[in-house]
PDB file of N, CA and C in Angstrom:
ATOM      1  N   MET A   1     131.480 104.832 112.938  1.00  0.00           N
ATOM      2  CA  MET A   1     130.938 105.425 111.728  1.00  0.00           C
ATOM      3  C   MET A   1     131.408 106.872 111.621  1.00  0.00           C
ATOM      4  N   ASP A   2     131.752 107.261 110.439  1.00  0.00           N
ATOM      5  CA  ASP A   2     132.179 108.637 110.167  1.00  0.00           C
ATOM      6  C   ASP A   2     130.926 109.489 109.928  1.00  0.00           C
ATOM      7  N   TRP A   3     130.469 110.203 110.964  1.00  0.00           N
ATOM      8  CA  TRP A   3     129.240 110.981 110.876  1.00  0.00           C
ATOM      9  C   TRP A   3     129.336 112.136 109.900  1.00  0.00           C
ATOM     10  N   SER A   4     130.503 112.700 109.724  1.00  0.00           N
ATOM     11  CA  SER A   4     130.626 113.802 108.763  1.00  0.00           C
ATOM     12  C   SER A   4     130.384 113.300 107.344  1.00  0.00           C
ATOM     13  N   LYS A   5     130.854 112.091 107.052  1.00  0.00           N
ATOM     14  CA  LYS A   5     130.620 111.500 105.726  1.00  0.00           C
ATOM     15  C   LYS A   5     129.141 111.141 105.558  1.00  0.00           C
ATOM     16  N   ALA A   6     128.531 110.647 106.620  1.00  0.00           N
ATOM     17  CA  ALA A   6     127.104 110.307 106.561  1.00  0.00           C
ATOM     18  C   ALA A   6     126.267 111.564 106.337  1.00  0.00           C
ATOM     19  N   LYS A   7     126.584 112.642 107.028  1.00  0.00           N
ATOM     20  CA  LYS A   7     125.861 113.902 106.844  1.00  0.00           C
ATOM     21  C   LYS A   7     126.045 114.438 105.431  1.00  0.00           C
ATOM     22  N   GLU A   8     127.238 114.285 104.898  1.00  0.00           N
ATOM     23  CA  GLU A   8     127.516 114.731 103.527  1.00  0.00           C
ATOM     24  C   GLU A   8     126.674 113.940 102.526  1.00  0.00           C
ATOM     25  N   ARG A   9     126.588 112.638 102.710  1.00  0.00           N
ATOM     26  CA  ARG A   9     125.774 111.792 101.810  1.00  0.00           C
ATOM     27  C   ARG A   9     124.297 112.125 101.936  1.00  0.00           C
ATOM     28  N   TYR A  10     123.858 112.407 103.155  1.00  0.00           N
ATOM     29  CA  TYR A  10     122.467 112.790 103.376  1.00  0.00           C
ATOM     30  C   TYR A  10     122.151 114.076 102.617  1.00  0.00           C
ATOM     31  N   LYS A  11     123.023 115.049 102.703  1.00  0.00           N
ATOM     32  CA  LYS A  11     122.820 116.321 102.000  1.00  0.00           C
ATOM     33  C   LYS A  11     122.764 116.108 100.488  1.00  0.00           C
ATOM     34  N   ILE A  12     123.620 115.249  99.958  1.00  0.00           N
ATOM     35  CA  ILE A  12     123.620 114.953  98.524  1.00  0.00           C
ATOM     36  C   ILE A  12     122.293 114.297  98.131  1.00  0.00           C
ATOM     37  N   ALA A  13     121.830 113.335  98.929  1.00  0.00           N
ATOM     38  CA  ALA A  13     120.567 112.649  98.643  1.00  0.00           C
ATOM     39  C   ALA A  13     119.393 113.628  98.700  1.00  0.00           C
ATOM     40  N   GLU A  14     119.411 114.495  99.698  1.00  0.00           N
ATOM     41  CA  GLU A  14     118.356 115.493  99.844  1.00  0.00           C
ATOM     42  C   GLU A  14     118.337 116.452  98.652  1.00  0.00           C
ATOM     43  N   GLU A  15     119.485 116.922  98.238  1.00  0.00           N
ATOM     44  CA  GLU A  15     119.588 117.837  97.094  1.00  0.00           C
ATOM     45  C   GLU A  15     119.102 117.163  95.805  1.00  0.00           C
ATOM     46  N   THR A  16     119.452 115.900  95.632  1.00  0.00           N
ATOM     47  CA  THR A  16     118.995 115.146  94.461  1.00  0.00           C
ATOM     48  C   THR A  16     117.475 115.018  94.470  1.00  0.00           C
ATOM     49  N   LEU A  17     116.923 114.688  95.617  1.00  0.00           N
ATOM     50  CA  LEU A  17     115.467 114.577  95.746  1.00  0.00           C
ATOM     51  C   LEU A  17     114.788 115.885  95.366  1.00  0.00           C
ATOM     52  N   PHE A  18     115.280 116.996  95.912  1.00  0.00           N
ATOM     53  CA  PHE A  18     114.646 118.292  95.688  1.00  0.00           C
ATOM     54  C   PHE A  18     114.815 118.808  94.266  1.00  0.00           C
ATOM     55  N   THR A  19     115.923 118.510  93.620  1.00  0.00           N
ATOM     56  CA  THR A  19     116.197 119.083  92.293  1.00  0.00           C
ATOM     57  C   THR A  19     115.877 118.147  91.135  1.00  0.00           C
ATOM     58  N   GLN A  20     115.876 116.841  91.364  1.00  0.00           N
ATOM     59  CA  GLN A  20     115.674 115.908  90.257  1.00  0.00           C
ATOM     60  C   GLN A  20     114.400 115.090  90.356  1.00  0.00           C
ATOM     61  N   ASN A  21     113.946 114.809  91.576  1.00  0.00           N
ATOM     62  CA  ASN A  21     112.781 113.946  91.709  1.00  0.00           C
ATOM     63  C   ASN A  21     111.477 114.706  91.928  1.00  0.00           C
ATOM     64  N   VAL A  22     111.511 115.801  92.659  1.00  0.00           N
ATOM     65  CA  VAL A  22     110.313 116.628  92.829  1.00  0.00           C
ATOM     66  C   VAL A  22     110.338 117.642  91.705  1.00  0.00           C
ATOM     67  N   ARG A  23     109.401 117.492  90.787  1.00  0.00           N
ATOM     68  CA  ARG A  23     109.433 118.370  89.616  1.00  0.00           C
ATOM     69  C   ARG A  23     108.061 118.560  89.011  1.00  0.00           C
ATOM     70  N   LYS A  24     107.966 119.629  88.270  1.00  0.00           N
ATOM     71  CA  LYS A  24     106.768 119.909  87.475  1.00  0.00           C
ATOM     72  C   LYS A  24     106.864 119.025  86.231  1.00  0.00           C
ATOM     73  N   LEU A  25     105.786 118.358  85.908  1.00  0.00           N
ATOM     74  CA  LEU A  25     105.804 117.418  84.799  1.00  0.00           C
ATOM     75  C   LEU A  25     104.914 117.893  83.660  1.00  0.00           C
ATOM     76  N   PRO A  26     105.203 117.434  82.435  1.00  0.00           N
ATOM     77  CA  PRO A  26     104.376 117.820  81.286  1.00  0.00           C
ATOM     78  C   PRO A  26     102.910 117.432  81.502  1.00  0.00           C
ATOM     79  N   ASP A  27     102.011 118.223  80.971  1.00  0.00           N
ATOM     80  CA  ASP A  27     100.574 117.967  81.027  1.00  0.00           C
ATOM     81  C   ASP A  27      99.999 118.090  82.435  1.00  0.00           C
ATOM     82  N   PHE A  28     100.724 118.786  83.324  1.00  0.00           N
ATOM     83  CA  PHE A  28     100.199 118.963  84.664  1.00  0.00           C
ATOM     84  C   PHE A  28     100.813 120.200  85.291  1.00  0.00           C
ATOM     85  N   ASP A  29     100.018 120.941  86.059  1.00  0.00           N
ATOM     86  CA  ASP A  29     100.473 122.208  86.623  1.00  0.00           C
ATOM     87  C   ASP A  29     101.338 122.065  87.867  1.00  0.00           C
ATOM     88  N   GLY A  30     101.033 121.122  88.734  1.00  0.00           N
ATOM     89  CA  GLY A  30     101.721 121.026  90.011  1.00  0.00           C
ATOM     90  C   GLY A  30     102.930 120.112  89.985  1.00  0.00           C
ATOM     91  N   GLU A  31     103.700 120.168  91.074  1.00  0.00           N
ATOM     92  CA  GLU A  31     104.857 119.288  91.215  1.00  0.00           C
ATOM     93  C   GLU A  31     104.414 117.898  91.651  1.00  0.00           C
ATOM     94  N   ALA A  32     105.203 116.906  91.271  1.00  0.00           N
ATOM     95  CA  ALA A  32     104.973 115.522  91.670  1.00  0.00           C
ATOM     96  C   ALA A  32     106.330 114.895  91.964  1.00  0.00           C
ATOM     97  N   VAL A  33     106.319 113.668  92.462  1.00  0.00           N
ATOM     98  CA  VAL A  33     107.564 112.958  92.754  1.00  0.00           C
ATOM     99  C   VAL A  33     107.811 111.940  91.654  1.00  0.00           C
ATOM    100  N   LYS A  34     108.782 112.250  90.814  1.00  0.00           N
ATOM    101  CA  LYS A  34     109.224 111.301  89.788  1.00  0.00           C
ATOM    102  C   LYS A  34     110.180 110.336  90.470  1.00  0.00           C
ATOM    103  N   ILE A  35     109.951 109.047  90.321  1.00  0.00           N
ATOM    104  CA  ILE A  35     110.716 108.057  91.060  1.00  0.00           C
ATOM    105  C   ILE A  35     112.204 108.121  90.703  1.00  0.00           C
ATOM    106  N   SER A  36     112.525 108.037  89.422  1.00  0.00           N
ATOM    107  CA  SER A  36     113.924 108.124  88.999  1.00  0.00           C
ATOM    108  C   SER A  36     113.971 108.224  87.481  1.00  0.00           C
ATOM    109  N   ASP A  37     115.145 108.473  86.947  1.00  0.00           N
ATOM    110  CA  ASP A  37     115.296 108.479  85.494  1.00  0.00           C
ATOM    111  C   ASP A  37     115.215 107.060  84.940  1.00  0.00           C
ATOM    112  N   CYS A  38     115.518 106.068  85.754  1.00  0.00           N
ATOM    113  CA  CYS A  38     115.407 104.665  85.326  1.00  0.00           C
ATOM    114  C   CYS A  38     113.963 104.175  85.378  1.00  0.00           C
ATOM    115  N   TYR A  39     113.142 104.838  86.149  1.00  0.00           N
ATOM    116  CA  TYR A  39     111.739 104.474  86.361  1.00  0.00           C
ATOM    117  C   TYR A  39     110.944 105.756  86.138  1.00  0.00           C
ATOM    118  N   PRO A  40     110.966 106.271  84.895  1.00  0.00           N
ATOM    119  CA  PRO A  40     110.488 107.633  84.640  1.00  0.00           C
ATOM    120  C   PRO A  40     108.969 107.759  84.615  1.00  0.00           C
ATOM    121  N   GLY A  41     108.454 108.343  85.637  1.00  0.00           N
ATOM    122  CA  GLY A  41     107.027 108.576  85.630  1.00  0.00           C
ATOM    123  C   GLY A  41     106.445 108.624  87.018  1.00  0.00           C
ATOM    124  N   ILE A  42     105.124 108.641  87.040  1.00  0.00           N
ATOM    125  CA  ILE A  42     104.350 108.646  88.268  1.00  0.00           C
ATOM    126  C   ILE A  42     103.527 107.362  88.245  1.00  0.00           C
ATOM    127  N   TRP A  43     103.654 106.576  89.294  1.00  0.00           N
ATOM    128  CA  TRP A  43     103.008 105.270  89.345  1.00  0.00           C
ATOM    129  C   TRP A  43     102.103 105.209  90.578  1.00  0.00           C
ATOM    130  N   MET A  44     100.902 104.647  90.415  1.00  0.00           N
ATOM    131  CA  MET A  44      99.989 104.559  91.547  1.00  0.00           C
ATOM    132  C   MET A  44     100.632 103.788  92.691  1.00  0.00           C
ATOM    133  N   GLU A  45     101.425 102.784  92.382  1.00  0.00           N
ATOM    134  CA  GLU A  45     102.051 101.996  93.443  1.00  0.00           C
ATOM    135  C   GLU A  45     103.039 102.829  94.273  1.00  0.00           C
ATOM    136  N   HIS A  46     103.396 104.004  93.789  1.00  0.00           N
ATOM    137  CA  HIS A  46     104.298 104.891  94.526  1.00  0.00           C
ATOM    138  C   HIS A  46     103.561 106.124  95.063  1.00  0.00           C
ATOM    139  N   SER A  47     102.269 106.032  95.237  1.00  0.00           N
ATOM    140  CA  SER A  47     101.507 107.172  95.741  1.00  0.00           C
ATOM    141  C   SER A  47     101.860 107.512  97.180  1.00  0.00           C
ATOM    142  N   TYR A  48     102.498 106.595  97.882  1.00  0.00           N
ATOM    143  CA  TYR A  48     102.911 106.859  99.252  1.00  0.00           C
ATOM    144  C   TYR A  48     104.143 107.765  99.316  1.00  0.00           C
ATOM    145  N   ASP A  49     104.961 107.743  98.274  1.00  0.00           N
ATOM    146  CA  ASP A  49     106.213 108.513  98.267  1.00  0.00           C
ATOM    147  C   ASP A  49     106.010 110.009  98.502  1.00  0.00           C
ATOM    148  N   PRO A  50     105.085 110.684  97.796  1.00  0.00           N
ATOM    149  CA  PRO A  50     104.916 112.115  98.060  1.00  0.00           C
ATOM    150  C   PRO A  50     104.360 112.402  99.454  1.00  0.00           C
ATOM    151  N   LEU A  51     103.609 111.457 100.008  1.00  0.00           N
ATOM    152  CA  LEU A  51     103.086 111.638 101.361  1.00  0.00           C
ATOM    153  C   LEU A  51     104.236 111.585 102.380  1.00  0.00           C
ATOM    154  N   VAL A  52     105.151 110.664 102.195  1.00  0.00           N
ATOM    155  CA  VAL A  52     106.325 110.591 103.073  1.00  0.00           C
ATOM    156  C   VAL A  52     107.161 111.859 102.917  1.00  0.00           C
ATOM    157  N   LEU A  53     107.366 112.293 101.687  1.00  0.00           N
ATOM    158  CA  LEU A  53     108.119 113.529 101.432  1.00  0.00           C
ATOM    159  C   LEU A  53     107.493 114.700 102.190  1.00  0.00           C
ATOM    160  N   ALA A  54     106.183 114.850 102.078  1.00  0.00           N
ATOM    161  CA  ALA A  54     105.490 115.975 102.716  1.00  0.00           C
ATOM    162  C   ALA A  54     105.491 115.856 104.239  1.00  0.00           C
ATOM    163  N   THR A  55     105.531 114.648 104.748  1.00  0.00           N
ATOM    164  CA  THR A  55     105.612 114.446 106.191  1.00  0.00           C
ATOM    165  C   THR A  55     106.983 114.886 106.716  1.00  0.00           C
ATOM    166  N   LEU A  56     108.019 114.589 105.949  1.00  0.00           N
ATOM    167  CA  LEU A  56     109.385 114.948 106.362  1.00  0.00           C
ATOM    168  C   LEU A  56     109.713 116.409 106.086  1.00  0.00           C
ATOM    169  N   TYR A  57     109.164 116.946 104.998  1.00  0.00           N
ATOM    170  CA  TYR A  57     109.467 118.312 104.567  1.00  0.00           C
ATOM    171  C   TYR A  57     108.144 119.032 104.291  1.00  0.00           C
ATOM    172  N   ARG A  58     107.645 119.753 105.282  1.00  0.00           N
ATOM    173  CA  ARG A  58     106.324 120.381 105.169  1.00  0.00           C
ATOM    174  C   ARG A  58     106.207 121.360 104.001  1.00  0.00           C
ATOM    175  N   GLU A  59     107.323 121.890 103.503  1.00  0.00           N
ATOM    176  CA  GLU A  59     107.235 122.800 102.358  1.00  0.00           C
ATOM    177  C   GLU A  59     106.725 122.091 101.099  1.00  0.00           C
ATOM    178  N   PHE A  60     106.685 120.764 101.130  1.00  0.00           N
ATOM    179  CA  PHE A  60     106.170 119.990 100.000  1.00  0.00           C
ATOM    180  C   PHE A  60     104.770 119.433 100.287  1.00  0.00           C
ATOM    181  N   SER A  61     104.033 120.067 101.187  1.00  0.00           N
ATOM    182  CA  SER A  61     102.741 119.519 101.609  1.00  0.00           C
ATOM    183  C   SER A  61     101.700 119.453 100.488  1.00  0.00           C
ATOM    184  N   LYS A  62     101.853 120.233  99.436  1.00  0.00           N
ATOM    185  CA  LYS A  62     100.893 120.180  98.323  1.00  0.00           C
ATOM    186  C   LYS A  62     101.237 119.095  97.296  1.00  0.00           C
ATOM    187  N   VAL A  63     102.443 118.553  97.347  1.00  0.00           N
ATOM    188  CA  VAL A  63     102.868 117.562  96.345  1.00  0.00           C
ATOM    189  C   VAL A  63     101.980 116.317  96.359  1.00  0.00           C
ATOM    190  N   PRO A  64     101.631 115.744  97.514  1.00  0.00           N
ATOM    191  CA  PRO A  64     100.746 114.569  97.463  1.00  0.00           C
ATOM    192  C   PRO A  64      99.372 114.881  96.859  1.00  0.00           C
ATOM    193  N   GLU A  65      98.847 116.075  97.149  1.00  0.00           N
ATOM    194  CA  GLU A  65      97.577 116.481  96.532  1.00  0.00           C
ATOM    195  C   GLU A  65      97.742 116.606  95.024  1.00  0.00           C
ATOM    196  N   ASN A  66      98.814 117.248  94.598  1.00  0.00           N
ATOM    197  CA  ASN A  66      99.072 117.407  93.166  1.00  0.00           C
ATOM    198  C   ASN A  66      99.118 116.059  92.468  1.00  0.00           C
ATOM    199  N   GLN A  67      99.839 115.128  93.082  1.00  0.00           N
ATOM    200  CA  GLN A  67     100.008 113.821  92.454  1.00  0.00           C
ATOM    201  C   GLN A  67      98.676 113.085  92.371  1.00  0.00           C
ATOM    202  N   ALA A  68      97.874 113.160  93.415  1.00  0.00           N
ATOM    203  CA  ALA A  68      96.546 112.533  93.381  1.00  0.00           C
ATOM    204  C   ALA A  68      95.673 113.189  92.316  1.00  0.00           C
ATOM    205  N   GLU A  69      95.798 114.511  92.180  1.00  0.00           N
ATOM    206  CA  GLU A  69      95.028 115.242  91.168  1.00  0.00           C
ATOM    207  C   GLU A  69      95.313 114.718  89.756  1.00  0.00           C
ATOM    208  N   MET A  70      96.547 114.288  89.512  1.00  0.00           N
ATOM    209  CA  MET A  70      96.881 113.720  88.198  1.00  0.00           C
ATOM    210  C   MET A  70      96.006 112.496  87.923  1.00  0.00           C
ATOM    211  N   PHE A  71      95.845 111.664  88.940  1.00  0.00           N
ATOM    212  CA  PHE A  71      95.018 110.466  88.781  1.00  0.00           C
ATOM    213  C   PHE A  71      93.552 110.836  88.619  1.00  0.00           C
ATOM    214  N   PHE A  72      93.064 111.795  89.418  1.00  0.00           N
ATOM    215  CA  PHE A  72      91.670 112.231  89.287  1.00  0.00           C
ATOM    216  C   PHE A  72      91.408 112.787  87.887  1.00  0.00           C
ATOM    217  N   LYS A  73      92.330 113.611  87.406  1.00  0.00           N
ATOM    218  CA  LYS A  73      92.155 114.286  86.111  1.00  0.00           C
ATOM    219  C   LYS A  73      92.015 113.298  84.952  1.00  0.00           C
ATOM    220  N   HIS A  74      92.688 112.171  85.058  1.00  0.00           N
ATOM    221  CA  HIS A  74      92.694 111.206  83.957  1.00  0.00           C
ATOM    222  C   HIS A  74      91.861 109.958  84.248  1.00  0.00           C
ATOM    223  N   GLN A  75      90.965 110.061  85.235  1.00  0.00           N
ATOM    224  CA  GLN A  75      90.082 108.948  85.530  1.00  0.00           C
ATOM    225  C   GLN A  75      89.122 108.749  84.364  1.00  0.00           C
ATOM    226  N   ARG A  76      88.908 107.504  83.985  1.00  0.00           N
ATOM    227  CA  ARG A  76      87.999 107.204  82.871  1.00  0.00           C
ATOM    228  C   ARG A  76      86.543 107.372  83.286  1.00  0.00           C
ATOM    229  N   GLU A  77      85.710 107.475  82.289  1.00  0.00           N
ATOM    230  CA  GLU A  77      84.267 107.625  82.496  1.00  0.00           C
ATOM    231  C   GLU A  77      83.703 106.478  83.342  1.00  0.00           C
ATOM    232  N   ASP A  78      84.259 105.260  83.180  1.00  0.00           N
ATOM    233  CA  ASP A  78      83.768 104.103  83.935  1.00  0.00           C
ATOM    234  C   ASP A  78      84.342 104.043  85.352  1.00  0.00           C
ATOM    235  N   GLY A  79      85.166 105.023  85.725  1.00  0.00           N
ATOM    236  CA  GLY A  79      85.703 105.097  87.078  1.00  0.00           C
ATOM    237  C   GLY A  79      87.134 104.605  87.234  1.00  0.00           C
ATOM    238  N   GLN A  80      87.678 103.945  86.210  1.00  0.00           N
ATOM    239  CA  GLN A  80      89.031 103.410  86.329  1.00  0.00           C
ATOM    240  C   GLN A  80      90.058 104.535  86.402  1.00  0.00           C
ATOM    241  N   LEU A  81      90.925 104.427  87.395  1.00  0.00           N
ATOM    242  CA  LEU A  81      92.027 105.370  87.542  1.00  0.00           C
ATOM    243  C   LEU A  81      93.237 104.857  86.768  1.00  0.00           C
ATOM    244  N   PRO A  82      94.102 105.737  86.319  1.00  0.00           N
ATOM    245  CA  PRO A  82      95.321 105.289  85.643  1.00  0.00           C
ATOM    246  C   PRO A  82      96.218 104.504  86.589  1.00  0.00           C
ATOM    247  N   ALA A  83      97.014 103.624  86.030  1.00  0.00           N
ATOM    248  CA  ALA A  83      98.030 102.901  86.797  1.00  0.00           C
ATOM    249  C   ALA A  83      99.322 103.700  86.825  1.00  0.00           C
ATOM    250  N   PHE A  84      99.574 104.448  85.737  1.00  0.00           N
ATOM    251  CA  PHE A  84     100.831 105.205  85.674  1.00  0.00           C
ATOM    252  C   PHE A  84     100.780 106.300  84.631  1.00  0.00           C
ATOM    253  N   PHE A  85     101.716 107.228  84.782  1.00  0.00           N
ATOM    254  CA  PHE A  85     102.009 108.271  83.800  1.00  0.00           C
ATOM    255  C   PHE A  85     103.476 108.098  83.475  1.00  0.00           C
ATOM    256  N   HIS A  86     103.798 107.805  82.241  1.00  0.00           N
ATOM    257  CA  HIS A  86     105.180 107.510  81.856  1.00  0.00           C
ATOM    258  C   HIS A  86     105.733 108.650  81.007  1.00  0.00           C
ATOM    259  N   TYR A  87     106.929 109.117  81.357  1.00  0.00           N
ATOM    260  CA  TYR A  87     107.555 110.243  80.666  1.00  0.00           C
ATOM    261  C   TYR A  87     108.871 109.849  80.012  1.00  0.00           C
ATOM    262  N   GLY A  88     109.132 108.563  79.853  1.00  0.00           N
ATOM    263  CA  GLY A  88     110.419 108.091  79.361  1.00  0.00           C
ATOM    264  C   GLY A  88     110.776 108.534  77.953  1.00  0.00           C
ATOM    265  N   THR A  89     109.809 108.738  77.113  1.00  0.00           N
ATOM    266  CA  THR A  89     110.075 109.109  75.721  1.00  0.00           C
ATOM    267  C   THR A  89     110.035 110.615  75.504  1.00  0.00           C
ATOM    268  N   GLY A  90     109.803 111.358  76.561  1.00  0.00           N
ATOM    269  CA  GLY A  90     109.684 112.811  76.434  1.00  0.00           C
ATOM    270  C   GLY A  90     108.250 113.261  76.259  1.00  0.00           C
ATOM    271  N   SER A  91     107.361 112.326  75.959  1.00  0.00           N
ATOM    272  CA  SER A  91     105.942 112.661  75.867  1.00  0.00           C
ATOM    273  C   SER A  91     105.186 111.799  76.877  1.00  0.00           C
ATOM    274  N   LEU A  92     104.007 112.222  77.200  1.00  0.00           N
ATOM    275  CA  LEU A  92     103.214 111.548  78.215  1.00  0.00           C
ATOM    276  C   LEU A  92     102.500 110.326  77.651  1.00  0.00           C
ATOM    277  N   THR A  93     102.653 109.192  78.341  1.00  0.00           N
ATOM    278  CA  THR A  93     101.886 107.981  78.065  1.00  0.00           C
ATOM    279  C   THR A  93     101.129 107.647  79.342  1.00  0.00           C
ATOM    280  N   ILE A  94      99.822 107.463  79.229  1.00  0.00           N
ATOM    281  CA  ILE A  94      99.011 107.116  80.390  1.00  0.00           C
ATOM    282  C   ILE A  94      98.609 105.660  80.261  1.00  0.00           C
ATOM    283  N   GLY A  95      98.896 104.883  81.311  1.00  0.00           N
ATOM    284  CA  GLY A  95      98.575 103.459  81.296  1.00  0.00           C
ATOM    285  C   GLY A  95      97.431 103.126  82.231  1.00  0.00           C
ATOM    286  N   TYR A  96      96.542 102.281  81.777  1.00  0.00           N
ATOM    287  CA  TYR A  96      95.390 101.877  82.576  1.00  0.00           C
ATOM    288  C   TYR A  96      95.415 100.383  82.863  1.00  0.00           C
ATOM    289  N   GLY A  97      96.579  99.789  82.805  1.00  0.00           N
ATOM    290  CA  GLY A  97      96.690  98.348  83.029  1.00  0.00           C
ATOM    291  C   GLY A  97      96.673  97.987  84.490  1.00  0.00           C
ATOM    292  N   GLN A  98      97.557  97.102  84.842  1.00  0.00           N
ATOM    293  CA  GLN A  98      97.637  96.587  86.202  1.00  0.00           C
ATOM    294  C   GLN A  98      97.965  97.699  87.197  1.00  0.00           C
ATOM    295  N   ILE A  99      97.234  97.725  88.291  1.00  0.00           N
ATOM    296  CA  ILE A  99      97.500  98.667  89.374  1.00  0.00           C
ATOM    297  C   ILE A  99      97.979  97.870  90.578  1.00  0.00           C
ATOM    298  N   GLN A 100      99.156  98.199  91.056  1.00  0.00           N
ATOM    299  CA  GLN A 100      99.706  97.575  92.255  1.00  0.00           C
ATOM    300  C   GLN A 100      99.666  98.609  93.370  1.00  0.00           C
ATOM    301  N   GLU A 101      99.154  98.212  94.502  1.00  0.00           N
ATOM    302  CA  GLU A 101      99.100  99.139  95.630  1.00  0.00           C
ATOM    303  C   GLU A 101      99.540  98.419  96.899  1.00  0.00           C
ATOM    304  N   CYS A 102     100.380  99.070  97.668  1.00  0.00           N
ATOM    305  CA  CYS A 102     100.736  98.558  98.996  1.00  0.00           C
ATOM    306  C   CYS A 102      99.730  99.077 100.017  1.00  0.00           C
ATOM    307  N   VAL A 103      99.320 100.313  99.831  1.00  0.00           N
ATOM    308  CA  VAL A 103      98.284 100.943 100.641  1.00  0.00           C
ATOM    309  C   VAL A 103      97.267 101.477  99.639  1.00  0.00           C
ATOM    310  N   SER A 104      95.983 101.322  99.924  1.00  0.00           N
ATOM    311  CA  SER A 104      94.982 101.724  98.937  1.00  0.00           C
ATOM    312  C   SER A 104      95.076 103.217  98.628  1.00  0.00           C
ATOM    313  N   PHE A 105      94.771 103.553  97.393  1.00  0.00           N
ATOM    314  CA  PHE A 105      94.815 104.938  96.936  1.00  0.00           C
ATOM    315  C   PHE A 105      93.847 105.800  97.757  1.00  0.00           C
ATOM    316  N   ALA A 106      92.685 105.251  98.078  1.00  0.00           N
ATOM    317  CA  ALA A 106      91.707 105.998  98.871  1.00  0.00           C
ATOM    318  C   ALA A 106      92.255 106.283 100.272  1.00  0.00           C
ATOM    319  N   LYS A 107      92.898 105.306 100.884  1.00  0.00           N
ATOM    320  CA  LYS A 107      93.488 105.503 102.217  1.00  0.00           C
ATOM    321  C   LYS A 107      94.587 106.567 102.159  1.00  0.00           C
ATOM    322  N   LEU A 108      95.448 106.485 101.159  1.00  0.00           N
ATOM    323  CA  LEU A 108      96.497 107.492 101.012  1.00  0.00           C
ATOM    324  C   LEU A 108      95.896 108.875 100.806  1.00  0.00           C
ATOM    325  N   GLY A 109      94.845 108.941 100.006  1.00  0.00           N
ATOM    326  CA  GLY A 109      94.166 110.209  99.785  1.00  0.00           C
ATOM    327  C   GLY A 109      93.617 110.783 101.076  1.00  0.00           C
ATOM    328  N   TYR A 110      93.066 109.914 101.916  1.00  0.00           N
ATOM    329  CA  TYR A 110      92.543 110.401 103.189  1.00  0.00           C
ATOM    330  C   TYR A 110      93.677 110.889 104.092  1.00  0.00           C
ATOM    331  N   MET A 111      94.829 110.218 104.040  1.00  0.00           N
ATOM    332  CA  MET A 111      95.993 110.656 104.816  1.00  0.00           C
ATOM    333  C   MET A 111      96.468 112.030 104.325  1.00  0.00           C
ATOM    334  N   VAL A 112      96.382 112.260 103.018  1.00  0.00           N
ATOM    335  CA  VAL A 112      96.722 113.578 102.461  1.00  0.00           C
ATOM    336  C   VAL A 112      95.737 114.621 102.991  1.00  0.00           C
ATOM    337  N   TYR A 113      94.455 114.267 102.989  1.00  0.00           N
ATOM    338  CA  TYR A 113      93.450 115.188 103.536  1.00  0.00           C
ATOM    339  C   TYR A 113      93.751 115.513 105.001  1.00  0.00           C
ATOM    340  N   GLU A 114      94.088 114.494 105.798  1.00  0.00           N
ATOM    341  CA  GLU A 114      94.391 114.737 107.207  1.00  0.00           C
ATOM    342  C   GLU A 114      95.581 115.685 107.378  1.00  0.00           C
ATOM    343  N   MET A 115      96.510 115.640 106.439  1.00  0.00           N
ATOM    344  CA  MET A 115      97.680 116.512 106.509  1.00  0.00           C
ATOM    345  C   MET A 115      97.317 117.959 106.182  1.00  0.00           C
ATOM    346  N   ASN A 116      96.536 118.168 105.130  1.00  0.00           N
ATOM    347  CA  ASN A 116      96.284 119.525 104.628  1.00  0.00           C
ATOM    348  C   ASN A 116      94.899 120.076 104.932  1.00  0.00           C
ATOM    349  N   ARG A 117      93.967 119.205 105.289  1.00  0.00           N
ATOM    350  CA  ARG A 117      92.593 119.608 105.609  1.00  0.00           C
ATOM    351  C   ARG A 117      91.923 120.404 104.482  1.00  0.00           C
ATOM    352  N   ASP A 118      92.200 120.003 103.255  1.00  0.00           N
ATOM    353  CA  ASP A 118      91.606 120.644 102.082  1.00  0.00           C
ATOM    354  C   ASP A 118      90.306 119.905 101.739  1.00  0.00           C
ATOM    355  N   ARG A 119      89.182 120.500 102.089  1.00  0.00           N
ATOM    356  CA  ARG A 119      87.878 119.841 101.893  1.00  0.00           C
ATOM    357  C   ARG A 119      87.582 119.585 100.419  1.00  0.00           C
ATOM    358  N   ASP A 120      87.970 120.481  99.527  1.00  0.00           N
ATOM    359  CA  ASP A 120      87.757 120.266  98.088  1.00  0.00           C
ATOM    360  C   ASP A 120      88.492 119.016  97.622  1.00  0.00           C
ATOM    361  N   PHE A 121      89.689 118.815  98.135  1.00  0.00           N
ATOM    362  CA  PHE A 121      90.452 117.607  97.798  1.00  0.00           C
ATOM    363  C   PHE A 121      89.700 116.361  98.292  1.00  0.00           C
ATOM    364  N   LEU A 122      89.171 116.422  99.521  1.00  0.00           N
ATOM    365  CA  LEU A 122      88.438 115.284 100.075  1.00  0.00           C
ATOM    366  C   LEU A 122      87.224 114.943  99.218  1.00  0.00           C
ATOM    367  N   VAL A 123      86.519 115.946  98.734  1.00  0.00           N
ATOM    368  CA  VAL A 123      85.358 115.721  97.867  1.00  0.00           C
ATOM    369  C   VAL A 123      85.793 115.027  96.575  1.00  0.00           C
ATOM    370  N   LYS A 124      86.883 115.490  95.959  1.00  0.00           N
ATOM    371  CA  LYS A 124      87.382 114.856  94.728  1.00  0.00           C
ATOM    372  C   LYS A 124      87.777 113.405  94.997  1.00  0.00           C
ATOM    373  N   LEU A 125      88.408 113.157  96.127  1.00  0.00           N
ATOM    374  CA  LEU A 125      88.806 111.797  96.494  1.00  0.00           C
ATOM    375  C   LEU A 125      87.570 110.915  96.623  1.00  0.00           C
ATOM    376  N   TYR A 126      86.564 111.409  97.331  1.00  0.00           N
ATOM    377  CA  TYR A 126      85.342 110.642  97.523  1.00  0.00           C
ATOM    378  C   TYR A 126      84.662 110.347  96.177  1.00  0.00           C
ATOM    379  N   GLU A 127      84.577 111.347  95.320  1.00  0.00           N
ATOM    380  CA  GLU A 127      83.914 111.173  94.030  1.00  0.00           C
ATOM    381  C   GLU A 127      84.680 110.236  93.107  1.00  0.00           C
ATOM    382  N   SER A 128      85.984 110.136  93.274  1.00  0.00           N
ATOM    383  CA  SER A 128      86.764 109.256  92.397  1.00  0.00           C
ATOM    384  C   SER A 128      86.777 107.811  92.887  1.00  0.00           C
ATOM    385  N   SER A 129      86.375 107.595  94.135  1.00  0.00           N
ATOM    386  CA  SER A 129      86.437 106.236  94.717  1.00  0.00           C
ATOM    387  C   SER A 129      85.215 105.415  94.389  1.00  0.00           C
TER     388      SER A 129
END
């Protein structure tokens, strides 16, 4: 294997992640992980992605909290959390339909708390569950 080529590809992937996928999104103050331009938005089923990012790159440790905050902010009165935030048309669409999760949102939230030890975040997580 040509390690110099592999390192070059890794750097390109890392730069793309930092400049195109981790971004400030409309209708929200903090940064989040946008999956891709083909899959434009924030999806509950991808709530693990910012946690992995923050585990690998500690400078992004607030991103998983920010992303969870988006879901808390738009939780309905009856307790339902959004399934997604879609930015494909340039404006925000919030969907409350089907929610797919590989790991429960509450479990991911607790893992975020364990990373940052932000008690206010833990309280919001508990109240939203």
